[in-house]
Amino acid sequence: MLNNKLWESHRIILPDAREKMVSCCQDCRFFVQIQGKEEIRYGCVECIEKYRKFCCKVPPKIHVMEILKMVGKEGLEKILENGDPQKPACGKFLPKM
């Protein structure tokens, strides 16, 4: 079991899923800073179609008004729900370039 790449401590991990399991949200390209009027918060912008389909590059910092124009208040709340940098990465994880 020691040299088995499928075995990671107490669980079996398939090779293609290993990167997602050991990575955090802060290492994902969809995880960005959201600049508000008085504070900076973090969130996952994977739900915004133009970033999900790679029509344009995901910037490291986005102003909150741009997000409100794209997805509205409900979309902004959904983006900010996934704002924990130490949370394990989800199935939509793509490493930063």
PDB file of N, CA and C in Angstrom:
ATOM      1  N   MET A   1       0.806  -1.205   0.000  1.00  0.00           N
ATOM      2  CA  MET A   1       0.000   0.000   0.000  1.00  0.00           C
ATOM      3  C   MET A   1       0.848   1.268   0.000  1.00  0.00           C
ATOM      4  N   LEU A   2       2.079   1.193   0.438  1.00  0.00           N
ATOM      5  CA  LEU A   2       2.899   2.394   0.553  1.00  0.00           C
ATOM      6  C   LEU A   2       3.231   3.023  -0.795  1.00  0.00           C
ATOM      7  N   ASN A   3       3.514   2.208  -1.789  1.00  0.00           N
ATOM      8  CA  ASN A   3       3.889   2.753  -3.096  1.00  0.00           C
ATOM      9  C   ASN A   3       2.735   2.751  -4.094  1.00  0.00           C
ATOM     10  N   ASN A   4       1.540   2.504  -3.623  1.00  0.00           N
ATOM     11  CA  ASN A   4       0.377   2.463  -4.492  1.00  0.00           C
ATOM     12  C   ASN A   4      -0.140   3.883  -4.716  1.00  0.00           C
ATOM     13  N   LYS A   5      -0.160   4.346  -5.968  1.00  0.00           N
ATOM     14  CA  LYS A   5      -0.585   5.715  -6.267  1.00  0.00           C
ATOM     15  C   LYS A   5      -2.089   5.897  -6.144  1.00  0.00           C
ATOM     16  N   LEU A   6      -2.844   4.813  -6.125  1.00  0.00           N
ATOM     17  CA  LEU A   6      -4.289   4.925  -5.963  1.00  0.00           C
ATOM     18  C   LEU A   6      -4.683   5.103  -4.502  1.00  0.00           C
ATOM     19  N   TRP A   7      -3.779   4.824  -3.604  1.00  0.00           N
ATOM     20  CA  TRP A   7      -4.087   4.875  -2.173  1.00  0.00           C
ATOM     21  C   TRP A   7      -3.551   6.168  -1.581  1.00  0.00           C
ATOM     22  N   GLU A   8      -4.410   7.015  -1.088  1.00  0.00           N
ATOM     23  CA  GLU A   8      -4.025   8.297  -0.493  1.00  0.00           C
ATOM     24  C   GLU A   8      -4.506   8.273   0.946  1.00  0.00           C
ATOM     25  N   SER A   9      -3.642   8.005   1.885  1.00  0.00           N
ATOM     26  CA  SER A   9      -3.914   7.849   3.316  1.00  0.00           C
ATOM     27  C   SER A   9      -4.985   6.782   3.543  1.00  0.00           C
ATOM     28  N   HIS A  10      -6.227   7.133   3.748  1.00  0.00           N
ATOM     29  CA  HIS A  10      -7.260   6.154   4.088  1.00  0.00           C
ATOM     30  C   HIS A  10      -8.320   5.979   3.000  1.00  0.00           C
ATOM     31  N   ARG A  11      -8.108   6.530   1.806  1.00  0.00           N
ATOM     32  CA  ARG A  11      -9.110   6.412   0.758  1.00  0.00           C
ATOM     33  C   ARG A  11      -8.459   6.093  -0.580  1.00  0.00           C
ATOM     34  N   ILE A  12      -9.210   5.464  -1.423  1.00  0.00           N
ATOM     35  CA  ILE A  12      -8.730   5.128  -2.761  1.00  0.00           C
ATOM     36  C   ILE A  12      -9.154   6.242  -3.700  1.00  0.00           C
ATOM     37  N   ILE A  13      -8.185   6.746  -4.473  1.00  0.00           N
ATOM     38  CA  ILE A  13      -8.435   7.850  -5.390  1.00  0.00           C
ATOM     39  C   ILE A  13      -8.011   7.435  -6.793  1.00  0.00           C
ATOM     40  N   LEU A  14      -8.897   7.615  -7.742  1.00  0.00           N
ATOM     41  CA  LEU A  14      -8.554   7.327  -9.128  1.00  0.00           C
ATOM     42  C   LEU A  14      -7.563   8.379  -9.635  1.00  0.00           C
ATOM     43  N   PRO A  15      -6.675   8.004 -10.547  1.00  0.00           N
ATOM     44  CA  PRO A  15      -5.627   8.937 -10.989  1.00  0.00           C
ATOM     45  C   PRO A  15      -6.140  10.253 -11.553  1.00  0.00           C
ATOM     46  N   ASP A  16      -7.221  10.236 -12.321  1.00  0.00           N
ATOM     47  CA  ASP A  16      -7.719  11.481 -12.915  1.00  0.00           C
ATOM     48  C   ASP A  16      -8.440  12.362 -11.898  1.00  0.00           C
ATOM     49  N   ALA A  17      -8.850  11.810 -10.773  1.00  0.00           N
ATOM     50  CA  ALA A  17      -9.550  12.586  -9.742  1.00  0.00           C
ATOM     51  C   ALA A  17      -8.610  13.058  -8.644  1.00  0.00           C
ATOM     52  N   ARG A  18      -7.372  12.601  -8.633  1.00  0.00           N
ATOM     53  CA  ARG A  18      -6.446  12.936  -7.557  1.00  0.00           C
ATOM     54  C   ARG A  18      -6.194  14.433  -7.459  1.00  0.00           C
ATOM     55  N   GLU A  19      -5.993  15.101  -8.586  1.00  0.00           N
ATOM     56  CA  GLU A  19      -5.707  16.534  -8.578  1.00  0.00           C
ATOM     57  C   GLU A  19      -6.863  17.332  -7.972  1.00  0.00           C
ATOM     58  N   LYS A  20      -8.094  16.908  -8.258  1.00  0.00           N
ATOM     59  CA  LYS A  20      -9.253  17.595  -7.686  1.00  0.00           C
ATOM     60  C   LYS A  20      -9.364  17.339  -6.186  1.00  0.00           C
ATOM     61  N   MET A  21      -9.001  16.154  -5.751  1.00  0.00           N
ATOM     62  CA  MET A  21      -9.153  15.795  -4.347  1.00  0.00           C
ATOM     63  C   MET A  21      -8.123  16.490  -3.455  1.00  0.00           C
ATOM     64  N   VAL A  22      -6.922  16.693  -3.948  1.00  0.00           N
ATOM     65  CA  VAL A  22      -5.873  17.263  -3.109  1.00  0.00           C
ATOM     66  C   VAL A  22      -5.723  18.768  -3.302  1.00  0.00           C
ATOM     67  N   SER A  23      -6.465  19.364  -4.220  1.00  0.00           N
ATOM     68  CA  SER A  23      -6.371  20.795  -4.487  1.00  0.00           C
ATOM     69  C   SER A  23      -7.444  21.566  -3.724  1.00  0.00           C
ATOM     70  N   CYS A  24      -7.160  22.836  -3.503  1.00  0.00           N
ATOM     71  CA  CYS A  24      -8.113  23.730  -2.837  1.00  0.00           C
ATOM     72  C   CYS A  24      -8.681  24.707  -3.866  1.00  0.00           C
ATOM     73  N   CYS A  25      -9.754  25.359  -3.483  1.00  0.00           N
ATOM     74  CA  CYS A  25     -10.396  26.339  -4.375  1.00  0.00           C
ATOM     75  C   CYS A  25      -9.440  27.464  -4.780  1.00  0.00           C
ATOM     76  N   GLN A  26      -8.541  27.859  -3.881  1.00  0.00           N
ATOM     77  CA  GLN A  26      -7.648  28.974  -4.196  1.00  0.00           C
ATOM     78  C   GLN A  26      -6.693  28.648  -5.339  1.00  0.00           C
ATOM     79  N   ASP A  27      -6.548  27.371  -5.702  1.00  0.00           N
ATOM     80  CA  ASP A  27      -5.682  26.977  -6.808  1.00  0.00           C
ATOM     81  C   ASP A  27      -6.430  26.891  -8.138  1.00  0.00           C
ATOM     82  N   CYS A  28      -7.729  27.155  -8.129  1.00  0.00           N
ATOM     83  CA  CYS A  28      -8.566  27.032  -9.323  1.00  0.00           C
ATOM     84  C   CYS A  28      -8.582  28.347 -10.101  1.00  0.00           C
ATOM     85  N   ARG A  29      -8.671  28.267 -11.421  1.00  0.00           N
ATOM     86  CA  ARG A  29      -8.680  29.481 -12.238  1.00  0.00           C
ATOM     87  C   ARG A  29      -9.997  30.236 -12.140  1.00  0.00           C
ATOM     88  N   PHE A  30     -11.078  29.609 -11.677  1.00  0.00           N
ATOM     89  CA  PHE A  30     -12.363  30.284 -11.533  1.00  0.00           C
ATOM     90  C   PHE A  30     -12.489  31.018 -10.197  1.00  0.00           C
ATOM     91  N   PHE A  31     -11.549  30.846  -9.289  1.00  0.00           N
ATOM     92  CA  PHE A  31     -11.593  31.477  -7.973  1.00  0.00           C
ATOM     93  C   PHE A  31     -10.949  32.860  -8.078  1.00  0.00           C
ATOM     94  N   VAL A  32     -11.740  33.914  -7.867  1.00  0.00           N
ATOM     95  CA  VAL A  32     -11.259  35.284  -8.079  1.00  0.00           C
ATOM     96  C   VAL A  32     -11.582  36.176  -6.879  1.00  0.00           C
ATOM     97  N   GLN A  33     -10.900  37.334  -6.841  1.00  0.00           N
ATOM     98  CA  GLN A  33     -11.229  38.373  -5.871  1.00  0.00           C
ATOM     99  C   GLN A  33     -12.367  39.202  -6.444  1.00  0.00           C
ATOM    100  N   ILE A  34     -13.340  39.519  -5.582  1.00  0.00           N
ATOM    101  CA  ILE A  34     -14.450  40.361  -5.992  1.00  0.00           C
ATOM    102  C   ILE A  34     -14.356  41.658  -5.211  1.00  0.00           C
ATOM    103  N   GLN A  35     -14.063  42.739  -5.929  1.00  0.00           N
ATOM    104  CA  GLN A  35     -13.843  44.046  -5.316  1.00  0.00           C
ATOM    105  C   GLN A  35     -15.167  44.760  -5.137  1.00  0.00           C
ATOM    106  N   GLY A  36     -15.528  45.013  -3.882  1.00  0.00           N
ATOM    107  CA  GLY A  36     -16.732  45.791  -3.578  1.00  0.00           C
ATOM    108  C   GLY A  36     -16.346  47.226  -3.288  1.00  0.00           C
ATOM    109  N   LYS A  37     -17.283  47.983  -2.744  1.00  0.00           N
ATOM    110  CA  LYS A  37     -17.018  49.385  -2.432  1.00  0.00           C
ATOM    111  C   LYS A  37     -16.054  49.518  -1.258  1.00  0.00           C
ATOM    112  N   GLU A  38     -16.229  48.674  -0.243  1.00  0.00           N
ATOM    113  CA  GLU A  38     -15.405  48.793   0.960  1.00  0.00           C
ATOM    114  C   GLU A  38     -14.598  47.549   1.292  1.00  0.00           C
ATOM    115  N   GLU A  39     -14.860  46.425   0.641  1.00  0.00           N
ATOM    116  CA  GLU A  39     -14.161  45.199   0.995  1.00  0.00           C
ATOM    117  C   GLU A  39     -13.903  44.330  -0.228  1.00  0.00           C
ATOM    118  N   ILE A  40     -13.015  43.377  -0.038  1.00  0.00           N
ATOM    119  CA  ILE A  40     -12.717  42.386  -1.070  1.00  0.00           C
ATOM    120  C   ILE A  40     -13.153  41.030  -0.540  1.00  0.00           C
ATOM    121  N   ARG A  41     -13.932  40.314  -1.343  1.00  0.00           N
ATOM    122  CA  ARG A  41     -14.348  38.963  -0.997  1.00  0.00           C
ATOM    123  C   ARG A  41     -13.950  38.048  -2.139  1.00  0.00           C
ATOM    124  N   TYR A  42     -14.007  36.765  -1.884  1.00  0.00           N
ATOM    125  CA  TYR A  42     -13.618  35.781  -2.886  1.00  0.00           C
ATOM    126  C   TYR A  42     -14.827  34.984  -3.328  1.00  0.00           C
ATOM    127  N   GLY A  43     -14.760  34.462  -4.548  1.00  0.00           N
ATOM    128  CA  GLY A  43     -15.855  33.664  -5.065  1.00  0.00           C
ATOM    129  C   GLY A  43     -15.453  32.871  -6.299  1.00  0.00           C
ATOM    130  N   CYS A  44     -16.307  31.941  -6.669  1.00  0.00           N
ATOM    131  CA  CYS A  44     -16.092  31.081  -7.835  1.00  0.00           C
ATOM    132  C   CYS A  44     -16.980  31.567  -8.973  1.00  0.00           C
ATOM    133  N   VAL A  45     -16.384  31.987 -10.076  1.00  0.00           N
ATOM    134  CA  VAL A  45     -17.141  32.548 -11.205  1.00  0.00           C
ATOM    135  C   VAL A  45     -17.391  31.523 -12.304  1.00  0.00           C
ATOM    136  N   GLU A  46     -17.361  30.248 -11.966  1.00  0.00           N
ATOM    137  CA  GLU A  46     -17.597  29.205 -12.950  1.00  0.00           C
ATOM    138  C   GLU A  46     -19.017  29.275 -13.505  1.00  0.00           C
ATOM    139  N   CYS A  47     -19.948  29.818 -12.738  1.00  0.00           N
ATOM    140  CA  CYS A  47     -21.344  29.882 -13.188  1.00  0.00           C
ATOM    141  C   CYS A  47     -21.577  30.988 -14.233  1.00  0.00           C
ATOM    142  N   ILE A  48     -20.602  31.858 -14.450  1.00  0.00           N
ATOM    143  CA  ILE A  48     -20.730  32.889 -15.489  1.00  0.00           C
ATOM    144  C   ILE A  48     -20.335  32.263 -16.823  1.00  0.00           C
ATOM    145  N   GLU A  49     -21.258  32.303 -17.762  1.00  0.00           N
ATOM    146  CA  GLU A  49     -21.098  31.556 -19.015  1.00  0.00           C
ATOM    147  C   GLU A  49     -19.855  31.938 -19.818  1.00  0.00           C
ATOM    148  N   LYS A  50     -19.533  33.212 -19.888  1.00  0.00           N
ATOM    149  CA  LYS A  50     -18.390  33.611 -20.722  1.00  0.00           C
ATOM    150  C   LYS A  50     -17.060  33.122 -20.146  1.00  0.00           C
ATOM    151  N   TYR A  51     -16.992  32.907 -18.834  1.00  0.00           N
ATOM    152  CA  TYR A  51     -15.776  32.345 -18.234  1.00  0.00           C
ATOM    153  C   TYR A  51     -15.783  30.826 -18.317  1.00  0.00           C
ATOM    154  N   ARG A  52     -16.949  30.223 -18.152  1.00  0.00           N
ATOM    155  CA  ARG A  52     -17.059  28.763 -18.206  1.00  0.00           C
ATOM    156  C   ARG A  52     -16.723  28.234 -19.595  1.00  0.00           C
ATOM    157  N   LYS A  53     -17.136  28.970 -20.637  1.00  0.00           N
ATOM    158  CA  LYS A  53     -16.884  28.532 -22.010  1.00  0.00           C
ATOM    159  C   LYS A  53     -15.576  29.087 -22.570  1.00  0.00           C
ATOM    160  N   PHE A  54     -14.803  29.786 -21.740  1.00  0.00           N
ATOM    161  CA  PHE A  54     -13.500  30.351 -22.110  1.00  0.00           C
ATOM    162  C   PHE A  54     -13.588  31.318 -23.283  1.00  0.00           C
ATOM    163  N   CYS A  55     -14.683  32.091 -23.338  1.00  0.00           N
ATOM    164  CA  CYS A  55     -14.796  33.140 -24.357  1.00  0.00           C
ATOM    165  C   CYS A  55     -13.786  34.249 -24.071  1.00  0.00           C
ATOM    166  N   CYS A  56     -13.475  34.452 -22.808  1.00  0.00           N
ATOM    167  CA  CYS A  56     -12.448  35.412 -22.425  1.00  0.00           C
ATOM    168  C   CYS A  56     -11.726  34.892 -21.180  1.00  0.00           C
ATOM    169  N   LYS A  57     -10.565  35.424 -20.934  1.00  0.00           N
ATOM    170  CA  LYS A  57      -9.735  34.994 -19.810  1.00  0.00           C
ATOM    171  C   LYS A  57     -10.360  35.437 -18.485  1.00  0.00           C
ATOM    172  N   VAL A  58     -10.269  34.589 -17.482  1.00  0.00           N
ATOM    173  CA  VAL A  58     -10.790  34.922 -16.153  1.00  0.00           C
ATOM    174  C   VAL A  58      -9.795  35.860 -15.470  1.00  0.00           C
ATOM    175  N   PRO A  59     -10.204  37.088 -15.155  1.00  0.00           N
ATOM    176  CA  PRO A  59      -9.280  38.019 -14.500  1.00  0.00           C
ATOM    177  C   PRO A  59      -9.097  37.651 -13.027  1.00  0.00           C
ATOM    178  N   PRO A  60      -7.973  38.016 -12.432  1.00  0.00           N
ATOM    179  CA  PRO A  60      -7.757  37.698 -11.009  1.00  0.00           C
ATOM    180  C   PRO A  60      -8.639  38.521 -10.070  1.00  0.00           C
ATOM    181  N   LYS A  61      -9.096  39.705 -10.532  1.00  0.00           N
ATOM    182  CA  LYS A  61      -9.954  40.572  -9.714  1.00  0.00           C
ATOM    183  C   LYS A  61     -11.064  41.122 -10.596  1.00  0.00           C
ATOM    184  N   ILE A  62     -12.318  41.057 -10.080  1.00  0.00           N
ATOM    185  CA  ILE A  62     -13.479  41.555 -10.809  1.00  0.00           C
ATOM    186  C   ILE A  62     -14.240  42.500  -9.884  1.00  0.00           C
ATOM    187  N   HIS A  63     -14.721  43.593 -10.430  1.00  0.00           N
ATOM    188  CA  HIS A  63     -15.524  44.518  -9.636  1.00  0.00           C
ATOM    189  C   HIS A  63     -16.939  43.957  -9.501  1.00  0.00           C
ATOM    190  N   VAL A  64     -17.541  44.160  -8.356  1.00  0.00           N
ATOM    191  CA  VAL A  64     -18.851  43.585  -8.057  1.00  0.00           C
ATOM    192  C   VAL A  64     -19.930  44.079  -9.021  1.00  0.00           C
ATOM    193  N   MET A  65     -19.808  45.287  -9.524  1.00  0.00           N
ATOM    194  CA  MET A  65     -20.811  45.806 -10.457  1.00  0.00           C
ATOM    195  C   MET A  65     -20.808  45.026 -11.776  1.00  0.00           C
ATOM    196  N   GLU A  66     -19.652  44.575 -12.231  1.00  0.00           N
ATOM    197  CA  GLU A  66     -19.583  43.769 -13.444  1.00  0.00           C
ATOM    198  C   GLU A  66     -20.321  42.445 -13.254  1.00  0.00           C
ATOM    199  N   ILE A  67     -20.141  41.838 -12.091  1.00  0.00           N
ATOM    200  CA  ILE A  67     -20.814  40.569 -11.810  1.00  0.00           C
ATOM    201  C   ILE A  67     -22.322  40.777 -11.718  1.00  0.00           C
ATOM    202  N   LEU A  68     -22.735  41.867 -11.075  1.00  0.00           N
ATOM    203  CA  LEU A  68     -24.169  42.150 -10.979  1.00  0.00           C
ATOM    204  C   LEU A  68     -24.796  42.337 -12.358  1.00  0.00           C
ATOM    205  N   LYS A  69     -24.074  42.959 -13.279  1.00  0.00           N
ATOM    206  CA  LYS A  69     -24.588  43.132 -14.644  1.00  0.00           C
ATOM    207  C   LYS A  69     -24.708  41.795 -15.363  1.00  0.00           C
ATOM    208  N   MET A  70     -23.780  40.877 -15.093  1.00  0.00           N
ATOM    209  CA  MET A  70     -23.774  39.592 -15.803  1.00  0.00           C
ATOM    210  C   MET A  70     -24.781  38.592 -15.244  1.00  0.00           C
ATOM    211  N   VAL A  71     -24.861  38.471 -13.906  1.00  0.00           N
ATOM    212  CA  VAL A  71     -25.681  37.401 -13.328  1.00  0.00           C
ATOM    213  C   VAL A  71     -26.735  37.875 -12.333  1.00  0.00           C
ATOM    214  N   GLY A  72     -26.736  39.130 -11.962  1.00  0.00           N
ATOM    215  CA  GLY A  72     -27.736  39.636 -11.027  1.00  0.00           C
ATOM    216  C   GLY A  72     -27.399  39.325  -9.573  1.00  0.00           C
ATOM    217  N   LYS A  73     -28.325  39.718  -8.702  1.00  0.00           N
ATOM    218  CA  LYS A  73     -28.096  39.576  -7.265  1.00  0.00           C
ATOM    219  C   LYS A  73     -28.061  38.107  -6.825  1.00  0.00           C
ATOM    220  N   GLU A  74     -28.956  37.284  -7.373  1.00  0.00           N
ATOM    221  CA  GLU A  74     -28.982  35.867  -7.005  1.00  0.00           C
ATOM    222  C   GLU A  74     -27.700  35.163  -7.444  1.00  0.00           C
ATOM    223  N   GLY A  75     -27.222  35.502  -8.632  1.00  0.00           N
ATOM    224  CA  GLY A  75     -25.974  34.927  -9.120  1.00  0.00           C
ATOM    225  C   GLY A  75     -24.783  35.347  -8.286  1.00  0.00           C
ATOM    226  N   LEU A  76     -24.772  36.608  -7.842  1.00  0.00           N
ATOM    227  CA  LEU A  76     -23.695  37.092  -6.978  1.00  0.00           C
ATOM    228  C   LEU A  76     -23.682  36.338  -5.654  1.00  0.00           C
ATOM    229  N   GLU A  77     -24.863  36.091  -5.092  1.00  0.00           N
ATOM    230  CA  GLU A  77     -24.938  35.329  -3.840  1.00  0.00           C
ATOM    231  C   GLU A  77     -24.407  33.915  -4.035  1.00  0.00           C
ATOM    232  N   LYS A  78     -24.720  33.301  -5.167  1.00  0.00           N
ATOM    233  CA  LYS A  78     -24.230  31.958  -5.465  1.00  0.00           C
ATOM    234  C   LYS A  78     -22.704  31.953  -5.610  1.00  0.00           C
ATOM    235  N   ILE A  79     -22.166  32.984  -6.245  1.00  0.00           N
ATOM    236  CA  ILE A  79     -20.716  33.091  -6.422  1.00  0.00           C
ATOM    237  C   ILE A  79     -20.021  33.254  -5.080  1.00  0.00           C
ATOM    238  N   LEU A  80     -20.586  34.089  -4.215  1.00  0.00           N
ATOM    239  CA  LEU A  80     -19.957  34.340  -2.913  1.00  0.00           C
ATOM    240  C   LEU A  80     -20.100  33.166  -1.949  1.00  0.00           C
ATOM    241  N   GLU A  81     -21.076  32.276  -2.164  1.00  0.00           N
ATOM    242  CA  GLU A  81     -21.201  31.076  -1.331  1.00  0.00           C
ATOM    243  C   GLU A  81     -19.945  30.222  -1.412  1.00  0.00           C
ATOM    244  N   ASN A  82     -19.343  30.185  -2.578  1.00  0.00           N
ATOM    245  CA  ASN A  82     -18.161  29.356  -2.805  1.00  0.00           C
ATOM    246  C   ASN A  82     -16.889  30.184  -2.670  1.00  0.00           C
ATOM    247  N   GLY A  83     -16.803  30.963  -1.615  1.00  0.00           N
ATOM    248  CA  GLY A  83     -15.680  31.876  -1.455  1.00  0.00           C
ATOM    249  C   GLY A  83     -14.660  31.464  -0.420  1.00  0.00           C
ATOM    250  N   ASP A  84     -14.625  30.196  -0.030  1.00  0.00           N
ATOM    251  CA  ASP A  84     -13.658  29.735   0.959  1.00  0.00           C
ATOM    252  C   ASP A  84     -12.416  29.214   0.253  1.00  0.00           C
ATOM    253  N   PRO A  85     -11.262  29.881   0.412  1.00  0.00           N
ATOM    254  CA  PRO A  85     -10.062  29.456  -0.308  1.00  0.00           C
ATOM    255  C   PRO A  85      -9.536  28.089   0.112  1.00  0.00           C
ATOM    256  N   GLN A  86      -9.810  27.653   1.343  1.00  0.00           N
ATOM    257  CA  GLN A  86      -9.280  26.385   1.846  1.00  0.00           C
ATOM    258  C   GLN A  86     -10.207  25.201   1.589  1.00  0.00           C
ATOM    259  N   LYS A  87     -11.368  25.452   1.012  1.00  0.00           N
ATOM    260  CA  LYS A  87     -12.324  24.384   0.723  1.00  0.00           C
ATOM    261  C   LYS A  87     -11.766  23.461  -0.360  1.00  0.00           C
ATOM    262  N   PRO A  88     -11.988  22.144  -0.253  1.00  0.00           N
ATOM    263  CA  PRO A  88     -11.534  21.242  -1.324  1.00  0.00           C
ATOM    264  C   PRO A  88     -12.190  21.595  -2.657  1.00  0.00           C
ATOM    265  N   ALA A  89     -11.448  21.423  -3.715  1.00  0.00           N
ATOM    266  CA  ALA A  89     -11.925  21.792  -5.050  1.00  0.00           C
ATOM    267  C   ALA A  89     -13.111  20.938  -5.477  1.00  0.00           C
ATOM    268  N   CYS A  90     -13.972  21.521  -6.298  1.00  0.00           N
ATOM    269  CA  CYS A  90     -15.155  20.818  -6.792  1.00  0.00           C
ATOM    270  C   CYS A  90     -14.817  20.101  -8.102  1.00  0.00           C
ATOM    271  N   GLY A  91     -15.815  19.523  -8.720  1.00  0.00           N
ATOM    272  CA  GLY A  91     -15.625  18.794  -9.967  1.00  0.00           C
ATOM    273  C   GLY A  91     -15.313  19.680 -11.154  1.00  0.00           C
ATOM    274  N   LYS A  92     -15.461  20.996 -11.005  1.00  0.00           N
ATOM    275  CA  LYS A  92     -15.190  21.928 -12.103  1.00  0.00           C
ATOM    276  C   LYS A  92     -13.787  22.532 -11.996  1.00  0.00           C
ATOM    277  N   PHE A  93     -12.952  21.949 -11.161  1.00  0.00           N
ATOM    278  CA  PHE A  93     -11.615  22.478 -10.898  1.00  0.00           C
ATOM    279  C   PHE A  93     -10.745  22.468 -12.148  1.00  0.00           C
ATOM    280  N   LEU A  94     -10.115  23.610 -12.428  1.00  0.00           N
ATOM    281  CA  LEU A  94      -9.086  23.725 -13.456  1.00  0.00           C
ATOM    282  C   LEU A  94      -7.947  24.523 -12.838  1.00  0.00           C
ATOM    283  N   PRO A  95      -6.728  24.009 -12.862  1.00  0.00           N
ATOM    284  CA  PRO A  95      -5.616  24.714 -12.221  1.00  0.00           C
ATOM    285  C   PRO A  95      -5.324  26.055 -12.888  1.00  0.00           C
ATOM    286  N   LYS A  96      -4.821  27.001 -12.093  1.00  0.00           N
ATOM    287  CA  LYS A  96      -4.436  28.301 -12.640  1.00  0.00           C
ATOM    288  C   LYS A  96      -3.269  28.133 -13.573  1.00  0.00           C
ATOM    289  N   MET A  97      -3.240  28.982 -14.589  1.00  0.00           N
ATOM    290  CA  MET A  97      -2.137  28.912 -15.550  1.00  0.00           C
ATOM    291  C   MET A  97      -0.976  29.740 -15.097  1.00  0.00           C
TER     292      MET A  97
END
